[in-house]
């Protein structure tokens, strides 16, 4: 599928995406747009009637492609970024009479952002605290007006220590939301940490100190 990060704005009110079927059989796909929020750091989705995504259901032939178009029924906000997710869900055909087994249906999720009329950016605040024995809690809170997309995390304690293990998968932190990583490490309060990650704005680096309980 391309592009994988569609964005809408006053200058780009509609986005076109191409979906490809690399399999050997046709498949039926349902397209849904959902409002995306992160209360208490949990990804939450509700129907998005203000997003027009077409066609809502289509058949992809084997080796074929389908162009889908996404637009907003509402104009961009003046200052606030709006966050959504597009879900493409495979609708499997009815099983044959002699079928006996487990069937898997493909589901793909893509972020969709509607940019405001004024430029916005994320503003991350980081905090490290001891958790249960042998773990530290790394929390990022986004105080900005734009989302943060983070990946390729690296975390180390002290100046010459081995890197600590922190999940490296891509994480989105929406405006006003927080994300928590639990890191397996026996680190005392007051220990300096260095964290680096990749973001849409380039490499991010920050120094922080493990707070007391």
N, C-alpha and C. Protein backbone atom coordinates (compact mmCIF):
# COMPACT_ATOMS: atom_id res chain seq x y z
N UNK A 1 0.85 -1.18 0.00
CA UNK A 1 0.00 0.00 0.00
C UNK A 1 0.88 1.23 0.00
N UNK A 2 0.47 2.27 -0.73
CA UNK A 2 1.20 3.52 -0.75
C UNK A 2 0.23 4.68 -1.00
N UNK A 3 0.47 5.87 -0.41
CA UNK A 3 1.45 6.10 0.65
C UNK A 3 0.99 5.47 1.96
N UNK A 4 1.92 5.33 2.92
CA UNK A 4 1.56 4.66 4.17
C UNK A 4 1.25 5.65 5.28
N UNK A 5 1.46 6.96 5.04
CA UNK A 5 1.15 7.97 6.04
C UNK A 5 0.38 9.12 5.38
N UNK A 6 -0.87 8.88 5.00
CA UNK A 6 -1.64 9.95 4.35
C UNK A 6 -1.93 11.10 5.30
N UNK A 7 -1.87 12.32 4.76
CA UNK A 7 -2.14 13.53 5.54
C UNK A 7 -3.04 14.45 4.72
N UNK A 8 -4.03 15.05 5.38
CA UNK A 8 -4.93 15.99 4.74
C UNK A 8 -4.68 17.39 5.31
N UNK A 9 -4.93 18.40 4.48
CA UNK A 9 -4.76 19.79 4.91
C UNK A 9 -5.63 20.66 4.01
N UNK A 10 -5.64 21.97 4.28
CA UNK A 10 -6.41 22.89 3.44
C UNK A 10 -5.88 22.92 2.02
N UNK A 11 -4.60 22.66 1.84
CA UNK A 11 -4.00 22.64 0.50
C UNK A 11 -4.05 21.24 -0.13
N UNK A 12 -4.35 20.24 0.67
CA UNK A 12 -4.37 18.85 0.19
C UNK A 12 -5.58 18.16 0.81
N UNK A 13 -6.80 18.52 0.35
CA UNK A 13 -8.02 18.05 1.03
C UNK A 13 -8.36 16.59 0.78
N UNK A 14 -7.77 15.99 -0.24
CA UNK A 14 -8.06 14.59 -0.58
C UNK A 14 -6.74 13.86 -0.78
N UNK A 15 -6.68 12.62 -0.27
CA UNK A 15 -5.50 11.78 -0.47
C UNK A 15 -5.91 10.49 -1.18
N UNK A 16 -5.10 10.07 -2.14
CA UNK A 16 -5.35 8.82 -2.87
C UNK A 16 -4.30 7.80 -2.45
N UNK A 17 -4.76 6.58 -2.16
CA UNK A 17 -3.88 5.49 -1.76
C UNK A 17 -4.10 4.31 -2.69
N UNK A 18 -3.05 3.61 -2.99
CA UNK A 18 -3.12 2.43 -3.84
C UNK A 18 -2.91 1.17 -3.02
N UNK A 19 -3.87 0.26 -3.11
CA UNK A 19 -3.81 -1.02 -2.39
C UNK A 19 -3.51 -2.11 -3.41
N UNK A 20 -2.56 -2.97 -3.10
CA UNK A 20 -2.15 -4.04 -4.00
C UNK A 20 -2.41 -5.41 -3.37
N UNK A 21 -2.87 -6.33 -4.20
CA UNK A 21 -3.07 -7.71 -3.77
C UNK A 21 -1.94 -8.54 -4.36
N UNK A 22 -0.98 -8.94 -3.53
CA UNK A 22 0.14 -9.73 -4.01
C UNK A 22 -0.14 -11.23 -3.94
N UNK A 23 -1.35 -11.59 -3.51
CA UNK A 23 -1.71 -13.00 -3.40
C UNK A 23 -2.18 -13.58 -4.71
N UNK A 24 -2.51 -14.86 -4.67
CA UNK A 24 -2.90 -15.59 -5.87
C UNK A 24 -4.41 -15.73 -6.01
N UNK A 25 -5.17 -15.17 -5.05
CA UNK A 25 -6.63 -15.27 -5.11
C UNK A 25 -7.24 -13.89 -4.86
N UNK A 26 -8.42 -13.61 -5.40
CA UNK A 26 -9.08 -12.33 -5.13
C UNK A 26 -9.52 -12.24 -3.68
N UNK A 27 -9.65 -11.02 -3.19
CA UNK A 27 -10.08 -10.81 -1.81
C UNK A 27 -10.99 -9.60 -1.73
N UNK A 28 -11.97 -9.66 -0.82
CA UNK A 28 -12.89 -8.56 -0.59
C UNK A 28 -12.41 -7.77 0.62
N UNK A 29 -12.34 -6.43 0.48
CA UNK A 29 -11.81 -5.56 1.52
C UNK A 29 -12.88 -4.55 1.94
N UNK A 30 -13.00 -4.37 3.25
CA UNK A 30 -13.86 -3.33 3.80
C UNK A 30 -12.99 -2.21 4.36
N UNK A 31 -13.35 -0.96 4.02
CA UNK A 31 -12.58 0.22 4.42
C UNK A 31 -13.38 1.02 5.44
N UNK A 32 -12.77 1.29 6.60
CA UNK A 32 -13.43 2.06 7.67
C UNK A 32 -12.49 3.15 8.16
N UNK A 33 -13.05 4.32 8.45
CA UNK A 33 -12.30 5.43 9.05
C UNK A 33 -12.76 5.60 10.49
N UNK A 34 -11.79 5.73 11.41
CA UNK A 34 -12.10 5.83 12.83
C UNK A 34 -11.35 7.01 13.44
N UNK A 35 -12.03 7.71 14.36
CA UNK A 35 -11.36 8.73 15.17
C UNK A 35 -10.38 8.02 16.11
N UNK A 36 -9.18 8.57 16.22
CA UNK A 36 -8.11 7.94 17.01
C UNK A 36 -7.76 8.83 18.19
N UNK A 37 -7.86 8.30 19.39
CA UNK A 37 -7.46 9.02 20.59
C UNK A 37 -6.66 8.07 21.48
N UNK A 38 -6.02 8.62 22.52
CA UNK A 38 -5.17 7.81 23.40
C UNK A 38 -5.42 8.15 24.87
N UNK A 39 -6.64 7.98 25.37
CA UNK A 39 -6.87 8.22 26.80
C UNK A 39 -6.10 7.23 27.65
N UNK A 40 -5.40 7.74 28.66
CA UNK A 40 -4.59 6.90 29.56
C UNK A 40 -3.58 6.06 28.78
N UNK A 41 -3.13 6.59 27.63
CA UNK A 41 -2.10 5.90 26.85
C UNK A 41 -2.59 4.71 26.07
N UNK A 42 -3.91 4.52 25.96
CA UNK A 42 -4.47 3.37 25.25
C UNK A 42 -5.08 3.84 23.93
N UNK A 43 -4.69 3.21 22.82
CA UNK A 43 -5.28 3.54 21.52
C UNK A 43 -6.76 3.21 21.53
N UNK A 44 -7.59 4.20 21.22
CA UNK A 44 -9.04 4.05 21.25
C UNK A 44 -9.62 4.55 19.93
N UNK A 45 -10.60 3.82 19.39
CA UNK A 45 -11.16 4.15 18.08
C UNK A 45 -12.68 4.24 18.17
N UNK A 46 -13.22 5.29 17.53
CA UNK A 46 -14.66 5.46 17.40
C UNK A 46 -14.97 5.84 15.96
N UNK A 47 -16.17 5.56 15.47
CA UNK A 47 -16.49 5.88 14.07
C UNK A 47 -16.26 7.36 13.75
N UNK A 48 -15.82 7.62 12.52
CA UNK A 48 -15.47 8.98 12.08
C UNK A 48 -16.38 9.40 10.93
N UNK A 49 -17.59 9.91 11.23
CA UNK A 49 -18.48 10.31 10.15
C UNK A 49 -17.98 11.50 9.35
N UNK A 50 -17.02 12.26 9.90
CA UNK A 50 -16.48 13.42 9.18
C UNK A 50 -15.42 13.05 8.16
N UNK A 51 -15.00 11.78 8.11
CA UNK A 51 -14.03 11.32 7.11
C UNK A 51 -14.75 10.50 6.05
N UNK A 52 -14.55 10.89 4.79
CA UNK A 52 -15.12 10.16 3.66
C UNK A 52 -14.03 9.27 3.06
N UNK A 53 -14.23 7.96 3.12
CA UNK A 53 -13.26 6.99 2.60
C UNK A 53 -13.99 6.09 1.61
N UNK A 54 -13.57 6.10 0.37
CA UNK A 54 -14.25 5.34 -0.68
C UNK A 54 -13.24 4.57 -1.54
N UNK A 55 -13.68 3.42 -2.09
CA UNK A 55 -14.97 2.76 -1.86
C UNK A 55 -14.99 2.04 -0.52
N UNK A 56 -16.15 1.98 0.15
CA UNK A 56 -16.19 1.35 1.47
C UNK A 56 -15.97 -0.16 1.43
N UNK A 57 -16.34 -0.80 0.31
CA UNK A 57 -16.09 -2.23 0.11
C UNK A 57 -15.67 -2.42 -1.34
N UNK A 58 -14.64 -3.22 -1.56
CA UNK A 58 -14.18 -3.47 -2.93
C UNK A 58 -13.52 -4.84 -3.00
N UNK A 59 -13.45 -5.36 -4.22
CA UNK A 59 -12.80 -6.65 -4.48
C UNK A 59 -11.48 -6.41 -5.17
N UNK A 60 -10.43 -6.97 -4.59
CA UNK A 60 -9.08 -6.88 -5.18
C UNK A 60 -8.79 -8.18 -5.93
N UNK A 61 -8.65 -8.13 -7.26
CA UNK A 61 -8.30 -9.36 -7.96
C UNK A 61 -6.88 -9.79 -7.63
N UNK A 62 -6.58 -11.04 -7.88
CA UNK A 62 -5.23 -11.55 -7.65
C UNK A 62 -4.23 -10.74 -8.47
N UNK A 63 -3.22 -10.20 -7.81
CA UNK A 63 -2.21 -9.39 -8.49
C UNK A 63 -2.69 -8.01 -8.88
N UNK A 64 -3.91 -7.63 -8.48
CA UNK A 64 -4.49 -6.37 -8.91
C UNK A 64 -4.29 -5.25 -7.89
N UNK A 65 -4.76 -4.05 -8.28
CA UNK A 65 -4.66 -2.87 -7.42
C UNK A 65 -6.01 -2.17 -7.34
N UNK A 66 -6.16 -1.35 -6.32
CA UNK A 66 -7.36 -0.54 -6.14
C UNK A 66 -6.93 0.81 -5.56
N UNK A 67 -7.42 1.89 -6.15
CA UNK A 67 -7.17 3.22 -5.61
C UNK A 67 -8.31 3.59 -4.68
N UNK A 68 -7.99 3.96 -3.45
CA UNK A 68 -8.99 4.46 -2.51
C UNK A 68 -8.71 5.93 -2.25
N UNK A 69 -9.76 6.67 -1.99
CA UNK A 69 -9.63 8.12 -1.76
C UNK A 69 -10.21 8.47 -0.41
N UNK A 70 -9.50 9.37 0.26
CA UNK A 70 -9.87 9.77 1.62
C UNK A 70 -9.92 11.29 1.68
N UNK A 71 -10.99 11.83 2.24
CA UNK A 71 -11.13 13.27 2.41
C UNK A 71 -11.89 13.58 3.67
N UNK A 72 -11.86 14.85 4.09
CA UNK A 72 -12.54 15.28 5.29
C UNK A 72 -13.76 16.11 4.92
N UNK A 73 -14.88 15.80 5.56
CA UNK A 73 -16.09 16.59 5.35
C UNK A 73 -16.03 17.92 6.12
N UNK A 74 -15.11 18.03 7.05
CA UNK A 74 -14.95 19.25 7.84
C UNK A 74 -13.67 19.96 7.44
N UNK A 75 -13.67 21.30 7.45
CA UNK A 75 -12.42 22.02 7.16
C UNK A 75 -11.42 21.79 8.30
N UNK A 76 -10.13 21.96 8.03
CA UNK A 76 -9.14 21.82 9.11
C UNK A 76 -9.40 22.82 10.22
N UNK A 77 -9.06 22.43 11.45
CA UNK A 77 -9.15 23.35 12.58
C UNK A 77 -8.08 24.43 12.44
N UNK A 78 -8.25 25.50 13.20
CA UNK A 78 -7.28 26.58 13.14
C UNK A 78 -5.96 26.19 13.79
N UNK A 79 -6.02 25.44 14.90
CA UNK A 79 -4.79 25.15 15.64
C UNK A 79 -4.60 23.67 15.97
N UNK A 80 -5.68 22.89 16.00
CA UNK A 80 -5.59 21.52 16.50
C UNK A 80 -5.50 20.51 15.36
N UNK A 81 -4.55 19.61 15.48
CA UNK A 81 -4.44 18.48 14.56
C UNK A 81 -5.50 17.45 14.91
N UNK A 82 -6.14 16.84 13.90
CA UNK A 82 -7.11 15.78 14.12
C UNK A 82 -6.48 14.45 13.70
N UNK A 83 -6.73 13.42 14.51
CA UNK A 83 -6.07 12.12 14.31
C UNK A 83 -7.11 11.05 14.03
N UNK A 84 -6.81 10.21 13.03
CA UNK A 84 -7.70 9.13 12.63
C UNK A 84 -6.87 7.89 12.30
N UNK A 85 -7.57 6.78 12.14
CA UNK A 85 -6.97 5.55 11.61
C UNK A 85 -7.88 5.01 10.51
N UNK A 86 -7.26 4.54 9.43
CA UNK A 86 -7.97 3.83 8.37
C UNK A 86 -7.75 2.34 8.58
N UNK A 87 -8.83 1.58 8.59
CA UNK A 87 -8.74 0.13 8.75
C UNK A 87 -9.21 -0.54 7.46
N UNK A 88 -8.37 -1.40 6.92
CA UNK A 88 -8.72 -2.23 5.77
C UNK A 88 -8.80 -3.66 6.24
N UNK A 89 -10.02 -4.21 6.21
CA UNK A 89 -10.27 -5.54 6.77
C UNK A 89 -10.71 -6.49 5.67
N UNK A 90 -10.05 -7.63 5.62
CA UNK A 90 -10.41 -8.66 4.66
C UNK A 90 -11.72 -9.34 5.08
N UNK A 91 -12.63 -9.49 4.12
CA UNK A 91 -13.88 -10.21 4.36
C UNK A 91 -13.75 -11.58 3.68
N UNK A 92 -13.49 -12.64 4.44
CA UNK A 92 -13.28 -13.95 3.82
C UNK A 92 -14.58 -14.50 3.24
N UNK A 93 -14.48 -15.27 2.17
CA UNK A 93 -15.68 -15.89 1.60
C UNK A 93 -16.23 -16.97 2.53
N UNK A 94 -17.48 -17.37 2.34
CA UNK A 94 -18.03 -18.44 3.19
C UNK A 94 -17.19 -19.71 3.05
N UNK A 95 -16.97 -20.44 4.14
CA UNK A 95 -16.15 -21.66 4.05
C UNK A 95 -16.88 -22.75 3.26
N UNK A 96 -16.08 -23.59 2.64
CA UNK A 96 -16.65 -24.73 1.93
C UNK A 96 -17.25 -25.73 2.92
N UNK A 97 -18.15 -26.55 2.44
CA UNK A 97 -18.87 -27.47 3.32
C UNK A 97 -17.93 -28.42 4.05
N UNK A 98 -16.83 -28.78 3.42
CA UNK A 98 -15.91 -29.75 4.04
C UNK A 98 -14.76 -29.07 4.79
N UNK A 99 -14.84 -27.73 4.97
CA UNK A 99 -13.74 -27.02 5.63
C UNK A 99 -13.74 -27.33 7.12
N UNK A 100 -12.55 -27.59 7.66
CA UNK A 100 -12.40 -27.86 9.09
C UNK A 100 -11.03 -27.35 9.51
N UNK A 101 -11.00 -26.14 10.07
CA UNK A 101 -9.72 -25.57 10.46
C UNK A 101 -9.89 -24.12 10.89
N UNK A 102 -8.76 -23.39 10.98
CA UNK A 102 -8.74 -22.01 11.43
C UNK A 102 -8.52 -21.10 10.23
N UNK A 103 -9.34 -20.04 10.12
CA UNK A 103 -9.20 -19.09 9.04
C UNK A 103 -8.72 -17.76 9.61
N UNK A 104 -7.76 -17.15 8.91
CA UNK A 104 -7.19 -15.88 9.34
C UNK A 104 -7.62 -14.79 8.36
N UNK A 105 -8.10 -13.67 8.89
CA UNK A 105 -8.50 -12.53 8.06
C UNK A 105 -7.50 -11.40 8.27
N UNK A 106 -7.02 -10.83 7.18
CA UNK A 106 -6.02 -9.76 7.24
C UNK A 106 -6.69 -8.44 7.64
N UNK A 107 -6.02 -7.68 8.52
CA UNK A 107 -6.50 -6.34 8.88
C UNK A 107 -5.31 -5.41 8.94
N UNK A 108 -5.38 -4.32 8.18
CA UNK A 108 -4.29 -3.33 8.11
C UNK A 108 -4.81 -2.01 8.65
N UNK A 109 -3.97 -1.32 9.41
CA UNK A 109 -4.34 -0.03 9.98
C UNK A 109 -3.32 1.02 9.56
N UNK A 110 -3.82 2.18 9.12
CA UNK A 110 -2.95 3.28 8.71
C UNK A 110 -3.32 4.55 9.46
N UNK A 111 -2.33 5.34 9.90
CA UNK A 111 -2.66 6.63 10.52
C UNK A 111 -3.09 7.64 9.46
N UNK A 112 -3.99 8.53 9.83
CA UNK A 112 -4.43 9.63 8.97
C UNK A 112 -4.54 10.88 9.84
N UNK A 113 -3.90 11.96 9.41
CA UNK A 113 -3.92 13.20 10.17
C UNK A 113 -4.46 14.33 9.30
N UNK A 114 -5.31 15.17 9.90
CA UNK A 114 -5.78 16.38 9.25
C UNK A 114 -5.05 17.55 9.91
N UNK A 115 -4.17 18.19 9.13
CA UNK A 115 -3.34 19.25 9.67
C UNK A 115 -4.13 20.55 9.82
N UNK A 116 -3.89 21.31 10.90
CA UNK A 116 -4.56 22.60 11.06
C UNK A 116 -4.02 23.63 10.09
N UNK A 117 -4.65 24.80 10.08
CA UNK A 117 -4.23 25.84 9.14
C UNK A 117 -2.94 26.53 9.59
N UNK A 118 -2.58 26.39 10.86
CA UNK A 118 -1.30 26.92 11.34
C UNK A 118 -0.37 25.76 11.66
N UNK A 119 0.94 25.89 11.43
CA UNK A 119 1.86 24.78 11.68
C UNK A 119 1.86 24.35 13.14
N UNK A 120 1.96 23.04 13.36
CA UNK A 120 2.01 22.50 14.71
C UNK A 120 3.17 21.51 14.80
N UNK A 121 3.58 21.21 16.01
CA UNK A 121 4.68 20.26 16.23
C UNK A 121 4.49 19.60 17.58
N UNK A 122 5.05 18.41 17.77
CA UNK A 122 5.00 17.78 19.09
C UNK A 122 5.97 18.45 20.05
N UNK A 123 5.72 18.30 21.33
CA UNK A 123 6.63 18.77 22.38
C UNK A 123 6.64 17.70 23.46
N UNK A 124 7.69 16.90 23.48
CA UNK A 124 7.74 15.75 24.37
C UNK A 124 8.42 16.08 25.69
N UNK A 125 7.79 15.64 26.77
CA UNK A 125 8.39 15.68 28.10
C UNK A 125 8.65 14.24 28.53
N UNK A 126 9.87 13.95 28.99
CA UNK A 126 10.26 12.60 29.35
C UNK A 126 10.43 12.48 30.86
N UNK A 127 10.11 11.30 31.37
CA UNK A 127 10.25 11.04 32.81
C UNK A 127 10.63 9.58 33.01
N UNK A 128 11.58 9.33 33.91
CA UNK A 128 12.01 7.97 34.25
C UNK A 128 11.82 7.76 35.74
N UNK A 129 11.14 6.69 36.11
CA UNK A 129 10.91 6.39 37.52
C UNK A 129 11.12 4.90 37.75
N UNK A 130 11.56 4.51 38.95
CA UNK A 130 11.65 3.07 39.26
C UNK A 130 10.25 2.47 39.28
N UNK A 131 10.15 1.23 38.84
CA UNK A 131 8.89 0.51 38.91
C UNK A 131 9.07 -0.65 39.88
N UNK A 132 8.51 -1.80 39.58
CA UNK A 132 8.74 -2.94 40.45
C UNK A 132 10.21 -3.35 40.35
N UNK A 133 10.62 -4.25 41.17
CA UNK A 133 12.03 -4.62 41.25
C UNK A 133 12.55 -5.09 39.90
N UNK A 134 13.62 -4.45 39.44
CA UNK A 134 14.24 -4.85 38.19
C UNK A 134 13.68 -4.15 36.96
N UNK A 135 12.85 -3.11 37.13
CA UNK A 135 12.30 -2.39 35.99
C UNK A 135 12.32 -0.88 36.25
N UNK A 136 12.43 -0.12 35.17
CA UNK A 136 12.22 1.32 35.23
C UNK A 136 11.12 1.67 34.22
N UNK A 137 10.43 2.74 34.54
CA UNK A 137 9.28 3.19 33.73
C UNK A 137 9.69 4.46 33.00
N UNK A 138 9.70 4.40 31.66
CA UNK A 138 10.00 5.56 30.84
C UNK A 138 8.68 6.08 30.27
N UNK A 139 8.38 7.35 30.52
CA UNK A 139 7.12 7.93 30.04
C UNK A 139 7.39 9.18 29.21
N UNK A 140 6.73 9.26 28.06
CA UNK A 140 6.79 10.45 27.22
C UNK A 140 5.39 11.05 27.15
N UNK A 141 5.28 12.34 27.46
CA UNK A 141 4.02 13.06 27.39
C UNK A 141 4.15 14.14 26.33
N UNK A 142 3.19 14.19 25.43
CA UNK A 142 3.23 15.14 24.32
C UNK A 142 2.45 16.39 24.71
N UNK A 143 3.16 17.48 25.00
CA UNK A 143 2.54 18.76 25.36
C UNK A 143 2.32 19.65 24.15
N UNK A 144 2.70 19.17 22.97
CA UNK A 144 2.56 19.98 21.77
C UNK A 144 1.19 19.82 21.13
N UNK A 145 1.04 20.39 19.93
CA UNK A 145 -0.23 20.37 19.20
C UNK A 145 -0.19 19.45 17.99
N UNK A 146 0.94 18.79 17.77
CA UNK A 146 1.07 17.82 16.68
C UNK A 146 1.52 16.48 17.22
N UNK A 147 1.27 15.40 16.46
CA UNK A 147 1.64 14.06 16.92
C UNK A 147 3.14 13.85 16.83
N UNK A 148 3.62 12.91 17.62
CA UNK A 148 5.02 12.47 17.55
C UNK A 148 5.05 11.03 17.06
N UNK A 149 5.89 10.77 16.09
CA UNK A 149 6.11 9.41 15.57
C UNK A 149 7.54 9.03 15.91
N UNK A 150 7.71 7.99 16.75
CA UNK A 150 9.02 7.64 17.29
C UNK A 150 9.35 6.20 16.94
N UNK A 151 10.63 5.95 16.66
CA UNK A 151 11.10 4.60 16.35
C UNK A 151 12.59 4.51 16.66
N UNK A 152 13.14 3.31 16.50
CA UNK A 152 14.58 3.06 16.65
C UNK A 152 15.11 3.59 18.00
N UNK A 153 14.47 3.19 19.08
CA UNK A 153 14.86 3.65 20.40
C UNK A 153 16.18 3.03 20.85
N UNK A 154 16.97 3.83 21.57
CA UNK A 154 18.17 3.35 22.23
C UNK A 154 18.22 4.01 23.60
N UNK A 155 18.51 3.22 24.63
CA UNK A 155 18.54 3.73 25.99
C UNK A 155 19.75 3.17 26.71
N UNK A 156 20.47 4.04 27.40
CA UNK A 156 21.63 3.59 28.17
C UNK A 156 21.65 4.31 29.51
N UNK A 157 22.27 3.68 30.49
CA UNK A 157 22.39 4.25 31.83
C UNK A 157 23.85 4.55 32.12
N UNK A 158 24.11 5.71 32.66
CA UNK A 158 25.49 6.06 32.94
C UNK A 158 26.22 6.46 31.67
N UNK A 159 27.53 6.48 31.74
CA UNK A 159 28.32 6.96 30.61
C UNK A 159 28.91 5.85 29.75
N UNK A 160 29.24 4.72 30.34
CA UNK A 160 29.91 3.67 29.57
C UNK A 160 29.19 2.33 29.66
N UNK A 161 27.90 2.33 29.96
CA UNK A 161 27.19 1.08 30.16
C UNK A 161 26.67 0.53 28.84
N UNK A 162 26.32 -0.74 28.86
CA UNK A 162 25.71 -1.38 27.71
C UNK A 162 24.29 -0.84 27.52
N UNK A 163 23.81 -0.78 26.27
CA UNK A 163 22.45 -0.30 26.04
C UNK A 163 21.44 -1.16 26.77
N UNK A 164 20.41 -0.53 27.32
CA UNK A 164 19.31 -1.24 27.95
C UNK A 164 18.29 -1.63 26.89
N UNK A 165 17.58 -2.71 27.13
CA UNK A 165 16.59 -3.16 26.15
C UNK A 165 15.32 -2.35 26.29
N UNK A 166 14.92 -1.68 25.21
CA UNK A 166 13.66 -0.95 25.16
C UNK A 166 12.98 -1.31 23.85
N UNK A 167 11.69 -1.62 23.86
CA UNK A 167 11.02 -2.00 22.62
C UNK A 167 11.25 -0.96 21.52
N UNK A 168 11.59 -1.43 20.33
CA UNK A 168 12.01 -0.53 19.25
C UNK A 168 10.93 -0.29 18.21
N UNK A 169 9.72 -0.84 18.40
CA UNK A 169 8.70 -0.67 17.38
C UNK A 169 8.25 0.80 17.31
N UNK A 170 7.69 1.18 16.18
CA UNK A 170 7.22 2.54 15.98
C UNK A 170 6.06 2.85 16.91
N UNK A 171 6.12 4.02 17.54
CA UNK A 171 5.10 4.46 18.50
C UNK A 171 4.63 5.86 18.10
N UNK A 172 3.31 6.06 18.16
CA UNK A 172 2.74 7.40 17.98
C UNK A 172 2.29 7.91 19.34
N UNK A 173 2.60 9.17 19.62
CA UNK A 173 2.10 9.84 20.82
C UNK A 173 1.32 11.06 20.34
N UNK A 174 0.00 11.01 20.49
CA UNK A 174 -0.86 12.07 20.01
C UNK A 174 -0.81 13.27 20.95
N UNK A 175 -1.22 14.45 20.47
CA UNK A 175 -1.21 15.64 21.34
C UNK A 175 -2.02 15.41 22.63
N UNK A 176 -1.41 15.77 23.76
CA UNK A 176 -2.06 15.60 25.05
C UNK A 176 -1.99 14.20 25.62
N UNK A 177 -1.40 13.27 24.89
CA UNK A 177 -1.36 11.87 25.32
C UNK A 177 0.03 11.50 25.85
N UNK A 178 0.12 10.33 26.47
CA UNK A 178 1.38 9.82 27.00
C UNK A 178 1.58 8.39 26.53
N UNK A 179 2.83 7.96 26.52
CA UNK A 179 3.16 6.56 26.23
C UNK A 179 4.19 6.10 27.24
N UNK A 180 4.05 4.85 27.69
CA UNK A 180 4.93 4.30 28.71
C UNK A 180 5.66 3.08 28.16
N UNK A 181 6.96 3.03 28.40
CA UNK A 181 7.78 1.85 28.11
C UNK A 181 8.25 1.28 29.45
N UNK A 182 8.12 -0.03 29.64
CA UNK A 182 8.67 -0.69 30.81
C UNK A 182 9.99 -1.34 30.40
N UNK A 183 11.06 -0.93 31.05
CA UNK A 183 12.41 -1.38 30.68
C UNK A 183 12.95 -2.26 31.79
N UNK A 184 13.40 -3.44 31.41
CA UNK A 184 13.97 -4.35 32.39
C UNK A 184 15.39 -3.92 32.71
N UNK A 185 15.56 -3.36 33.90
CA UNK A 185 16.88 -2.88 34.32
C UNK A 185 16.85 -2.58 35.81
N UNK A 186 17.89 -2.96 36.52
CA UNK A 186 18.03 -2.63 37.93
C UNK A 186 18.83 -1.35 38.04
N UNK A 187 18.14 -0.23 38.06
CA UNK A 187 18.77 1.09 38.05
C UNK A 187 18.29 1.87 39.25
N UNK A 188 19.21 2.44 40.00
CA UNK A 188 18.87 3.17 41.22
C UNK A 188 18.37 4.57 40.90
N UNK A 189 17.59 5.12 41.84
CA UNK A 189 17.17 6.51 41.70
C UNK A 189 18.40 7.41 41.62
N UNK A 190 18.32 8.43 40.78
CA UNK A 190 19.44 9.34 40.60
C UNK A 190 20.37 8.94 39.47
N UNK A 191 20.16 7.76 38.87
CA UNK A 191 21.02 7.32 37.77
C UNK A 191 20.71 8.13 36.51
N UNK A 192 21.74 8.67 35.84
CA UNK A 192 21.48 9.39 34.58
C UNK A 192 21.23 8.41 33.44
N UNK A 193 20.30 8.76 32.58
CA UNK A 193 19.96 7.96 31.40
C UNK A 193 20.12 8.82 30.15
N UNK A 194 20.44 8.14 29.06
CA UNK A 194 20.47 8.82 27.76
C UNK A 194 19.58 8.05 26.80
N UNK A 195 18.64 8.74 26.18
CA UNK A 195 17.71 8.12 25.25
C UNK A 195 17.81 8.79 23.89
N UNK A 196 17.79 7.97 22.84
CA UNK A 196 17.75 8.50 21.48
C UNK A 196 16.68 7.75 20.69
N UNK A 197 16.12 8.42 19.69
CA UNK A 197 15.09 7.81 18.86
C UNK A 197 15.02 8.59 17.56
N UNK A 198 14.38 7.98 16.58
CA UNK A 198 14.11 8.66 15.32
C UNK A 198 12.69 9.21 15.35
N UNK A 199 12.53 10.44 14.85
CA UNK A 199 11.22 11.06 14.76
C UNK A 199 11.05 11.65 13.37
N UNK A 200 9.85 12.16 13.08
CA UNK A 200 9.63 12.79 11.79
C UNK A 200 10.53 14.00 11.58
N UNK A 201 10.99 14.60 12.66
CA UNK A 201 11.85 15.77 12.58
C UNK A 201 13.33 15.40 12.58
N UNK A 202 13.65 14.11 12.59
CA UNK A 202 15.03 13.67 12.62
C UNK A 202 15.36 12.96 13.92
N UNK A 203 16.65 12.87 14.23
CA UNK A 203 17.07 12.17 15.44
C UNK A 203 16.73 13.00 16.68
N UNK A 204 16.20 12.32 17.68
CA UNK A 204 15.86 12.93 18.95
C UNK A 204 16.79 12.37 20.01
N UNK A 205 17.36 13.24 20.84
CA UNK A 205 18.21 12.79 21.94
C UNK A 205 17.83 13.55 23.20
N UNK A 206 17.79 12.85 24.29
CA UNK A 206 17.44 13.50 25.56
C UNK A 206 18.15 12.81 26.71
N UNK A 207 18.52 13.60 27.70
CA UNK A 207 19.12 13.09 28.93
C UNK A 207 18.11 13.26 30.06
N UNK A 208 17.98 12.26 30.89
CA UNK A 208 17.08 12.33 32.04
C UNK A 208 17.67 11.53 33.19
N UNK A 209 17.11 11.73 34.36
CA UNK A 209 17.60 11.10 35.59
C UNK A 209 16.46 10.29 36.20
N UNK A 210 16.77 9.08 36.64
CA UNK A 210 15.76 8.25 37.28
C UNK A 210 15.32 8.93 38.58
N UNK A 211 14.03 9.24 38.64
CA UNK A 211 13.50 9.95 39.80
C UNK A 211 13.34 8.99 40.98
N UNK A 212 13.18 9.55 42.16
CA UNK A 212 12.92 8.73 43.33
C UNK A 212 11.48 8.30 43.38
N UNK A 213 11.21 7.24 44.12
CA UNK A 213 9.83 6.76 44.26
C UNK A 213 9.00 7.74 45.10
